Amino acid sequence: MARGRLIAGLLGLVVAAAGAALLIIDVEARRDWAAARLALQRLDAERRAHAMGAELDRELARAHVWFTVDTGSLTETDWDDFAWNHEKWVNRAPFPALIRDWYVARPRPDGTLLQRFDAADEVLTEVSWPDGLRGLRAAIDAERRAGGDDVMPSLGPVLAELPAVVIELWLPDVEGEDEEAPSSPRSYVYVIGTVDLEFVAGSLLPSLARAHLGEDWGYRVVDGEDPMREIASNLGGTAGPPDGEAELFAVPLAGLDEPLLDAPAQAAQDGGAAQAGAADAAAREVAGSGVGPGAMAKRRAPEPRRGEAARERGAWRLMVYRPAGGGAASVASKRREWALRSGVALLVMLCAGLGLAVMVLMRAERERGGERERERERERERERERERERERERERERERERKE
């Protein structure tokens, strides 16, 4: 009996321990599921961020490709090819307001002349260097002095400090130039398109966010070198770790027209038929204007340019955040909920096992108490039997005495 009661108690503890072990296994499985879900959500956010950043960079590339024009018609005040491409940019580019002003910088021995393109009159007007472009002027002058006769323009294709699109174009050789004359650096100009940050922050990025992220997503664009310098954001306050990141504001020099020419295949792969059609039309425009890989190769020096690898990376960083209740915050909330539920379930299971063990022990104690009571009752019954035996003995003794 005692052994049975002991086995019953141990069985209750074993059941509680087995339940606790199963609960721990379930918690670990849920944790692994949460980690896998978080990884998938981060991968999705990274994909969305890269798509959003790629479209902005594609527009920068579009500006670079469309305005890589023939310099044969460039005079002191006119540039017919540039004016024609500017009209095409205004009428056919998806975001013509991306570029606020166009300038032409002409490096000369006595300094760099700056001209602004007047879209209304389609002429180049000499202007003083704006404060925002003085750093670029110093860089052009330094480049000219350091390069000597073998100067190689290398300040493009974008400058995030301004920010601006920068295009270097070689000028045609002067016909009939005396070959015995002292050599001089080959002439070139810089075409500078200043990016309108107000348009980028107020219109372009919100439009791209709706197209690639979705409603209620948050985003921040910061300087790649100084993350504390915020360029644009739709977040009301401070934000935690992003769900996805992507580099922004970069136009790789190698295969510069690929963001346009390869866009249809990529868009079709992503399921964006409308985007593929628009990109295909843009590619046809580039091909029709004579600005393609072949035309660009003719207008650029064949030698490799300095600093090319350094400009492959985006100068800005895009960080995206899932809507409230999504992403890492959602998984963390689920983990806390599961931890709380698992803790409560484990506590209930342990209490149940402990209660079962206590019940078994109490029942065993009651059974032992009943056994002792029955033993005492049997002892009293034996005592009463002995008393009756003694009474009968005394009765027989009195009977003998009467007979005598």
Protein backbone atom coordinates (compact mmCIF):
# COMPACT_ATOMS: atom_id res chain seq x y z
CA MET A 1 0.00 0.00 0.00
CA ALA A 2 2.75 2.44 0.97
CA ARG A 3 4.65 1.56 -2.15
CA GLY A 4 1.56 2.20 -4.27
CA ARG A 5 1.05 5.58 -2.67
CA LEU A 6 4.70 6.47 -3.33
CA ILE A 7 4.38 5.40 -6.95
CA ALA A 8 1.23 7.50 -7.33
CA GLY A 9 3.01 10.57 -5.97
CA LEU A 10 6.01 10.09 -8.22
CA LEU A 11 3.67 9.63 -11.20
CA GLY A 12 2.14 13.05 -10.53
CA LEU A 13 5.56 14.67 -10.46
CA VAL A 14 6.56 12.86 -13.66
CA VAL A 15 3.41 14.09 -15.42
CA ALA A 16 4.14 17.68 -14.32
CA ALA A 17 7.78 17.44 -15.45
CA ALA A 18 6.77 15.97 -18.83
CA GLY A 19 4.24 18.74 -19.36
CA ALA A 20 6.85 21.36 -18.47
CA ALA A 21 9.33 19.80 -20.93
CA LEU A 22 6.73 19.80 -23.72
CA LEU A 23 5.94 23.42 -22.94
CA ILE A 24 9.63 24.36 -23.15
CA ILE A 25 9.90 22.58 -26.51
CA ASP A 26 6.86 24.50 -27.75
CA VAL A 27 8.37 27.79 -26.59
CA GLU A 28 11.61 27.05 -28.44
CA ALA A 29 9.68 26.14 -31.58
CA ARG A 30 7.70 29.37 -31.40
CA ARG A 31 10.92 31.31 -30.89
CA ASP A 32 12.43 29.73 -33.99
CA TRP A 33 9.28 30.55 -35.94
CA ALA A 34 9.44 34.16 -34.75
CA ALA A 35 13.10 34.41 -35.81
CA ALA A 36 12.28 33.00 -39.24
CA ARG A 37 9.34 35.37 -39.62
CA LEU A 38 11.48 38.33 -38.62
CA ALA A 39 14.15 37.31 -41.16
CA LEU A 40 11.52 37.11 -43.91
CA GLN A 41 10.07 40.48 -42.94
CA ARG A 42 13.52 42.05 -42.97
CA LEU A 43 14.23 40.49 -46.36
CA ASP A 44 10.96 41.91 -47.69
CA ALA A 45 11.74 45.34 -46.23
CA GLU A 46 15.24 45.24 -47.74
CA ARG A 47 13.76 44.37 -51.13
CA ARG A 48 11.29 47.25 -50.93
CA ALA A 49 14.01 49.68 -49.82
CA HIS A 50 16.31 48.64 -52.66
CA ALA A 51 13.48 49.01 -55.19
CA MET A 52 12.68 52.49 -53.90
CA GLY A 53 16.32 53.55 -53.93
CA ALA A 54 16.90 52.05 -57.38
CA GLU A 55 14.11 54.14 -58.88
CA LEU A 56 15.56 57.38 -57.52
CA ASP A 57 19.01 56.39 -58.78
CA ARG A 58 17.42 55.51 -62.13
CA GLU A 59 16.10 59.06 -62.44
CA LEU A 60 19.57 60.42 -61.69
CA ALA A 61 20.94 58.08 -64.35
CA ARG A 62 18.24 59.23 -66.74
CA ALA A 63 19.34 62.84 -66.28
CA HIS A 64 22.98 61.85 -66.77
CA VAL A 65 22.26 59.88 -69.94
CA TRP A 66 19.83 62.32 -71.52
CA PHE A 67 22.14 65.30 -71.01
CA THR A 68 25.27 63.55 -72.22
CA VAL A 69 24.89 65.45 -75.49
CA ASP A 70 27.03 66.41 -78.44
CA THR A 71 29.19 69.47 -77.78
CA GLY A 72 29.61 70.29 -81.46
CA SER A 73 26.80 72.87 -81.31
CA LEU A 74 28.10 74.50 -78.11
CA THR A 75 29.00 78.18 -78.55
CA GLU A 76 29.66 80.93 -76.06
CA THR A 77 25.95 81.51 -75.48
CA ASP A 78 24.02 78.76 -77.30
CA TRP A 79 23.79 75.01 -77.24
CA ASP A 80 21.11 73.66 -79.56
CA ASP A 81 21.53 69.98 -78.68
CA PHE A 82 21.31 70.72 -74.99
CA ALA A 83 18.20 72.89 -75.49
CA TRP A 84 16.52 70.08 -77.45
CA ASN A 85 17.30 67.53 -74.72
CA HIS A 86 16.13 69.94 -72.02
CA GLU A 87 12.77 70.28 -73.77
CA LYS A 88 12.54 66.49 -73.96
CA TRP A 89 13.42 66.26 -70.26
CA VAL A 90 10.70 68.74 -69.29
CA ASN A 91 8.01 67.08 -71.42
CA ARG A 92 8.87 63.40 -71.13
CA ALA A 93 10.82 62.68 -67.94
CA PRO A 94 8.74 61.18 -65.11
CA PHE A 95 10.07 63.73 -62.60
CA PRO A 96 11.38 66.79 -64.47
CA ALA A 97 11.32 68.87 -61.27
CA LEU A 98 14.10 66.65 -59.89
CA ILE A 99 16.66 69.05 -61.43
CA ARG A 100 16.19 72.68 -60.37
CA ASP A 101 18.87 74.39 -62.50
CA TRP A 102 21.34 73.43 -65.18
CA TYR A 103 24.81 74.97 -65.36
CA VAL A 104 27.78 74.64 -67.68
CA ALA A 105 31.22 75.01 -66.09
CA ARG A 106 34.05 75.82 -68.54
CA PRO A 107 37.53 75.25 -67.09
CA ARG A 108 39.97 77.87 -68.40
CA PRO A 109 43.55 78.82 -67.63
CA ASP A 110 42.40 81.90 -65.71
CA GLY A 111 39.63 80.13 -63.80
CA THR A 112 36.39 78.27 -64.35
CA LEU A 113 33.54 80.15 -66.02
CA LEU A 114 30.01 79.27 -64.93
CA GLN A 115 26.97 79.68 -67.16
CA ARG A 116 23.34 79.00 -66.31
CA PHE A 117 20.96 77.58 -68.89
CA ASP A 118 17.98 79.89 -69.33
CA ALA A 119 15.15 77.56 -70.31
CA ALA A 120 12.87 80.38 -71.40
CA ASP A 121 15.30 81.88 -73.95
CA GLU A 122 17.33 78.66 -74.44
CA VAL A 123 20.62 80.49 -73.97
CA LEU A 124 23.62 80.19 -71.66
CA THR A 125 24.06 83.19 -69.40
CA GLU A 126 27.23 83.83 -67.42
CA VAL A 127 26.56 83.95 -63.66
CA SER A 128 28.62 84.19 -60.52
CA TRP A 129 29.23 81.00 -58.63
CA PRO A 130 26.48 80.35 -56.05
CA ASP A 131 27.62 79.59 -52.53
CA GLY A 132 26.49 75.98 -52.88
CA LEU A 133 28.74 75.45 -55.93
CA ARG A 134 31.91 77.14 -54.68
CA GLY A 135 33.27 73.84 -53.44
CA LEU A 136 32.77 72.33 -56.88
CA ARG A 137 34.53 75.32 -58.46
CA ALA A 138 37.55 74.78 -56.22
CA ALA A 139 37.55 71.06 -57.09
CA ILE A 140 37.45 71.82 -60.83
CA ASP A 141 40.30 74.33 -60.56
CA ALA A 142 42.39 71.92 -58.50
CA GLU A 143 41.69 69.12 -60.96
CA ARG A 144 42.76 71.32 -63.85
CA ARG A 145 46.01 72.34 -62.15
CA ALA A 146 46.90 68.85 -60.98
CA GLY A 147 46.15 67.14 -64.29
CA GLY A 148 48.40 69.22 -66.48
CA ASP A 149 48.25 68.26 -70.15
CA ASP A 150 46.77 64.88 -69.22
CA VAL A 151 43.91 66.24 -67.14
CA MET A 152 41.07 63.77 -66.76
CA PRO A 153 37.69 65.06 -65.53
CA SER A 154 36.52 62.82 -62.69
CA LEU A 155 34.08 64.74 -60.51
CA GLY A 156 30.88 62.99 -61.63
CA PRO A 157 28.48 61.42 -62.06
CA VAL A 158 26.79 62.76 -58.91
CA LEU A 159 27.87 64.90 -55.99
CA ALA A 160 25.79 64.37 -52.88
CA GLU A 161 27.28 67.35 -51.09
CA LEU A 162 25.39 69.77 -53.37
CA PRO A 163 23.50 67.55 -54.36
CA ALA A 164 23.86 67.55 -58.13
CA VAL A 165 24.27 65.48 -61.28
CA VAL A 166 27.66 66.19 -62.83
CA ILE A 167 28.44 65.28 -66.43
CA GLU A 168 31.84 65.75 -68.03
CA LEU A 169 31.86 66.33 -71.79
CA TRP A 170 34.88 66.65 -74.06
CA LEU A 171 34.89 69.49 -76.52
CA PRO A 172 35.69 68.73 -80.17
CA ASP A 173 39.23 69.33 -81.35
CA VAL A 174 39.81 72.58 -83.18
CA GLU A 175 40.18 71.95 -86.91
CA GLY A 176 43.40 73.15 -88.51
CA GLU A 177 45.26 73.30 -85.21
CA ASP A 178 49.05 73.51 -85.66
CA GLU A 179 50.49 70.15 -84.72
CA GLU A 180 53.87 71.72 -83.93
CA ALA A 181 52.35 74.14 -81.42
CA PRO A 182 52.97 73.40 -77.71
CA SER A 183 50.54 70.84 -76.37
CA SER A 184 47.72 72.03 -74.17
CA PRO A 185 45.14 70.17 -72.07
CA ARG A 186 42.21 68.85 -73.98
CA SER A 187 39.17 71.09 -73.53
CA TYR A 188 36.12 69.87 -71.69
CA VAL A 189 33.11 71.22 -69.83
CA TYR A 190 31.07 70.10 -66.86
CA VAL A 191 27.28 70.05 -67.10
CA ILE A 192 25.84 70.44 -63.62
CA GLY A 193 22.22 69.74 -62.73
CA THR A 194 21.41 70.80 -59.19
CA VAL A 195 18.93 68.49 -57.47
CA ASP A 196 15.89 70.16 -55.87
CA LEU A 197 15.94 68.78 -52.32
CA GLU A 198 12.54 70.28 -51.52
CA PHE A 199 11.00 68.38 -54.42
CA VAL A 200 12.84 65.20 -53.46
CA ALA A 201 11.71 65.37 -49.83
CA GLY A 202 8.22 66.72 -50.43
CA SER A 203 7.08 64.94 -53.59
CA LEU A 204 9.47 62.40 -55.08
CA LEU A 205 10.25 60.28 -52.02
CA PRO A 206 6.59 60.14 -50.82
CA SER A 207 5.58 59.05 -54.33
CA LEU A 208 8.25 56.35 -54.46
CA ALA A 209 7.34 55.24 -50.92
CA ARG A 210 3.70 54.73 -51.90
CA ALA A 211 4.75 52.79 -55.00
CA HIS A 212 7.37 50.52 -53.41
CA LEU A 213 6.69 50.44 -49.66
CA GLY A 214 2.96 50.79 -49.25
CA GLU A 215 0.67 52.78 -47.04
CA ASP A 216 1.70 53.66 -43.49
CA TRP A 217 5.33 52.68 -44.00
CA GLY A 218 7.93 55.02 -42.58
CA TYR A 219 11.24 56.02 -44.10
CA ARG A 220 14.27 58.17 -43.35
CA VAL A 221 17.02 59.32 -45.68
CA VAL A 222 20.26 60.31 -43.99
CA ASP A 223 23.77 61.19 -45.04
CA GLY A 224 25.87 58.06 -45.50
CA GLU A 225 28.86 59.66 -43.78
CA ASP A 226 26.91 61.48 -41.06
CA PRO A 227 23.77 59.53 -40.04
CA MET A 228 22.76 62.37 -37.74
CA ARG A 229 22.20 64.61 -40.79
CA GLU A 230 18.68 63.86 -41.92
CA ILE A 231 17.80 64.66 -45.52
CA ALA A 232 14.17 63.55 -45.62
CA SER A 233 11.75 61.64 -43.39
CA ASN A 234 8.04 60.98 -42.93
CA LEU A 235 8.44 59.93 -39.28
CA GLY A 236 7.04 62.19 -36.62
CA GLY A 237 9.74 61.52 -34.02
CA THR A 238 12.68 59.32 -33.23
CA ALA A 239 12.74 55.82 -34.69
CA GLY A 240 14.33 52.60 -33.58
CA PRO A 241 16.32 50.17 -35.70
CA PRO A 242 15.02 50.07 -39.31
CA ASP A 243 13.40 47.01 -40.83
CA GLY A 244 15.33 47.49 -44.06
CA GLU A 245 18.11 49.66 -45.50
CA ALA A 246 19.46 50.56 -48.91
CA GLU A 247 22.08 52.87 -50.36
CA LEU A 248 20.80 55.85 -52.25
CA PHE A 249 22.01 58.60 -54.56
CA ALA A 250 24.47 56.71 -56.70
CA VAL A 251 24.95 56.38 -60.44
CA PRO A 252 27.71 53.82 -61.14
CA LEU A 253 30.00 54.97 -63.91
CA ALA A 254 30.36 51.46 -65.29
CA GLY A 255 27.37 50.74 -67.54
CA LEU A 256 25.78 54.08 -66.78
CA ASP A 257 22.75 53.48 -69.00
CA GLU A 258 21.94 50.06 -67.51
CA PRO A 259 19.43 51.46 -64.98
CA LEU A 260 17.39 52.59 -68.00
CA LEU A 261 18.05 49.88 -70.57
CA ASP A 262 17.70 46.98 -68.13
CA ALA A 263 14.67 48.38 -66.34
CA PRO A 264 12.00 46.63 -68.49
CA ALA A 265 13.30 43.13 -67.78
CA GLN A 266 13.68 43.86 -64.10
CA ALA A 267 10.25 45.46 -63.84
CA ALA A 268 8.65 42.56 -65.68
CA GLN A 269 10.37 40.16 -63.32
CA ASP A 270 8.92 42.08 -60.38
CA GLY A 271 5.47 41.99 -61.93
CA GLY A 272 5.26 45.71 -62.68
CA ALA A 273 3.88 45.82 -66.21
CA ALA A 274 3.21 49.56 -66.14
CA GLN A 275 6.66 50.34 -64.82
CA ALA A 276 8.20 48.04 -67.44
CA GLY A 277 6.35 49.87 -70.21
CA ALA A 278 7.48 53.27 -68.97
CA ALA A 279 11.06 52.11 -68.62
CA ASP A 280 10.94 50.54 -72.08
CA ALA A 281 9.72 53.82 -73.53
CA ALA A 282 12.53 55.64 -71.75
CA ALA A 283 15.03 53.17 -73.18
CA ARG A 284 13.69 53.75 -76.68
CA GLU A 285 13.98 57.50 -76.16
CA VAL A 286 17.61 57.10 -75.17
CA ALA A 287 18.31 54.89 -78.15
CA GLY A 288 16.47 57.25 -80.50
CA SER A 289 18.37 60.28 -79.31
CA GLY A 290 21.68 58.65 -80.14
CA VAL A 291 22.72 58.60 -76.48
CA GLY A 292 23.54 54.99 -75.90
CA PRO A 293 26.56 52.89 -75.03
CA GLY A 294 28.17 53.55 -78.42
CA ALA A 295 27.49 57.29 -78.45
CA MET A 296 28.70 57.67 -74.89
CA ALA A 297 31.87 55.77 -75.66
CA LYS A 298 32.62 58.24 -78.47
CA ARG A 299 32.19 61.23 -76.21
CA ARG A 300 34.21 59.95 -73.27
CA ALA A 301 37.89 59.39 -72.91
CA PRO A 302 38.70 55.69 -73.18
CA GLU A 303 41.08 55.77 -70.23
CA PRO A 304 39.77 54.63 -66.82
CA ARG A 305 38.78 57.47 -64.54
CA ARG A 306 40.12 58.11 -61.07
CA GLY A 307 37.93 57.46 -58.08
CA GLU A 308 35.50 55.31 -60.06
CA ALA A 309 35.28 52.59 -57.42
CA ALA A 310 34.70 55.08 -54.64
CA ARG A 311 31.55 56.42 -56.34
CA GLU A 312 29.90 53.03 -56.75
CA ARG A 313 28.38 53.34 -53.28
CA GLY A 314 25.39 55.54 -52.52
CA ALA A 315 26.12 58.76 -50.66
CA TRP A 316 22.77 58.61 -48.85
CA ARG A 317 21.22 55.83 -46.82
CA LEU A 318 17.55 54.94 -46.98
CA MET A 319 15.99 53.32 -43.90
CA VAL A 320 12.45 51.95 -44.01
CA TYR A 321 10.12 51.03 -41.17
CA ARG A 322 7.09 48.77 -41.28
CA PRO A 323 3.74 50.14 -40.08
CA ALA A 324 3.07 50.15 -36.34
CA GLY A 325 2.67 46.60 -35.12
CA GLY A 326 4.79 45.11 -37.90
CA GLY A 327 8.37 44.04 -38.36
CA ALA A 328 10.69 43.65 -35.40
CA ALA A 329 8.25 45.37 -33.05
CA SER A 330 5.52 42.89 -33.97
CA VAL A 331 7.78 39.88 -33.49
CA ALA A 332 9.08 41.26 -30.19
CA SER A 333 5.49 41.80 -29.02
CA LYS A 334 4.58 38.25 -30.04
CA ARG A 335 7.61 36.92 -28.21
CA ARG A 336 6.63 38.78 -25.05
CA GLU A 337 3.06 37.50 -25.36
CA TRP A 338 4.25 33.93 -25.89
CA ALA A 339 6.71 34.22 -23.00
CA LEU A 340 3.93 35.46 -20.72
CA ARG A 341 1.54 32.74 -21.82
CA SER A 342 4.22 30.07 -21.55
CA GLY A 343 5.21 31.29 -18.11
CA VAL A 344 1.61 31.19 -16.93
CA ALA A 345 1.06 27.75 -18.48
CA LEU A 346 4.27 26.44 -16.92
CA LEU A 347 3.28 27.84 -13.54
CA VAL A 348 -0.19 26.29 -13.81
CA MET A 349 1.29 22.96 -14.85
CA LEU A 350 3.79 22.95 -12.01
CA CYS A 351 1.07 23.94 -9.55
CA ALA A 352 -1.15 21.18 -10.94
CA GLY A 353 1.63 18.63 -10.54
CA LEU A 354 2.40 19.86 -7.06
CA GLY A 355 -1.30 19.84 -6.18
CA LEU A 356 -1.63 16.30 -7.48
CA ALA A 357 1.34 15.22 -5.39
CA VAL A 358 -0.09 16.95 -2.31
CA MET A 359 -3.48 15.33 -2.90
CA VAL A 360 -1.85 11.92 -3.18
CA LEU A 361 0.15 12.51 0.00
CA MET A 362 -2.91 13.81 1.86
CA ARG A 363 -4.93 10.81 0.74
CA ALA A 364 -2.14 8.52 1.85
CA GLU A 365 -2.05 10.31 5.20
CA ARG A 366 -5.81 9.95 5.57
CA GLU A 367 -5.52 6.29 4.72
CA ARG A 368 -2.80 5.86 7.30
CA GLY A 369 -4.95 7.70 9.89
CA GLY A 370 -7.92 5.45 9.08
CA GLU A 371 -5.75 2.37 9.42
CA ARG A 372 -4.56 3.50 12.85
CA GLU A 373 -8.14 4.22 13.90
CA ARG A 374 -9.23 0.77 12.76
CA GLU A 375 -6.30 -0.75 14.64
CA ARG A 376 -7.35 1.07 17.80
CA GLU A 377 -10.93 -0.06 17.28
CA ARG A 378 -9.77 -3.63 16.94
CA GLU A 379 -7.69 -3.22 20.11
CA ARG A 380 -10.74 -1.91 21.96
CA GLU A 381 -12.76 -4.81 20.63
CA ARG A 382 -10.16 -7.25 21.90
CA GLU A 383 -10.16 -5.47 25.26
CA ARG A 384 -13.93 -5.76 25.45
CA GLU A 385 -13.64 -9.45 24.55
CA ARG A 386 -11.14 -9.99 27.30
CA GLU A 387 -13.45 -8.15 29.72
CA ARG A 388 -16.33 -10.38 28.73
CA GLU A 389 -14.08 -13.43 29.20
CA ARG A 390 -13.17 -12.28 32.68
CA GLU A 391 -16.86 -11.67 33.45
CA ARG A 392 -17.70 -15.17 32.34
CA GLU A 393 -14.85 -16.51 34.48
CA ARG A 394 -16.19 -14.69 37.51
CA GLU A 395 -19.69 -16.03 36.75
CA ARG A 396 -18.38 -19.57 36.67
CA GLU A 397 -16.51 -18.96 39.93
CA ARG A 398 -19.69 -17.78 41.66
CA GLU A 399 -21.53 -20.80 40.27
CA ARG A 400 -19.01 -23.15 41.80
CA GLU A 401 -19.26 -21.38 45.12
CA ARG A 402 -23.06 -21.81 45.24
CA LYS A 403 -22.69 -25.51 44.52
CA GLU A 404 -20.31 -26.00 47.32
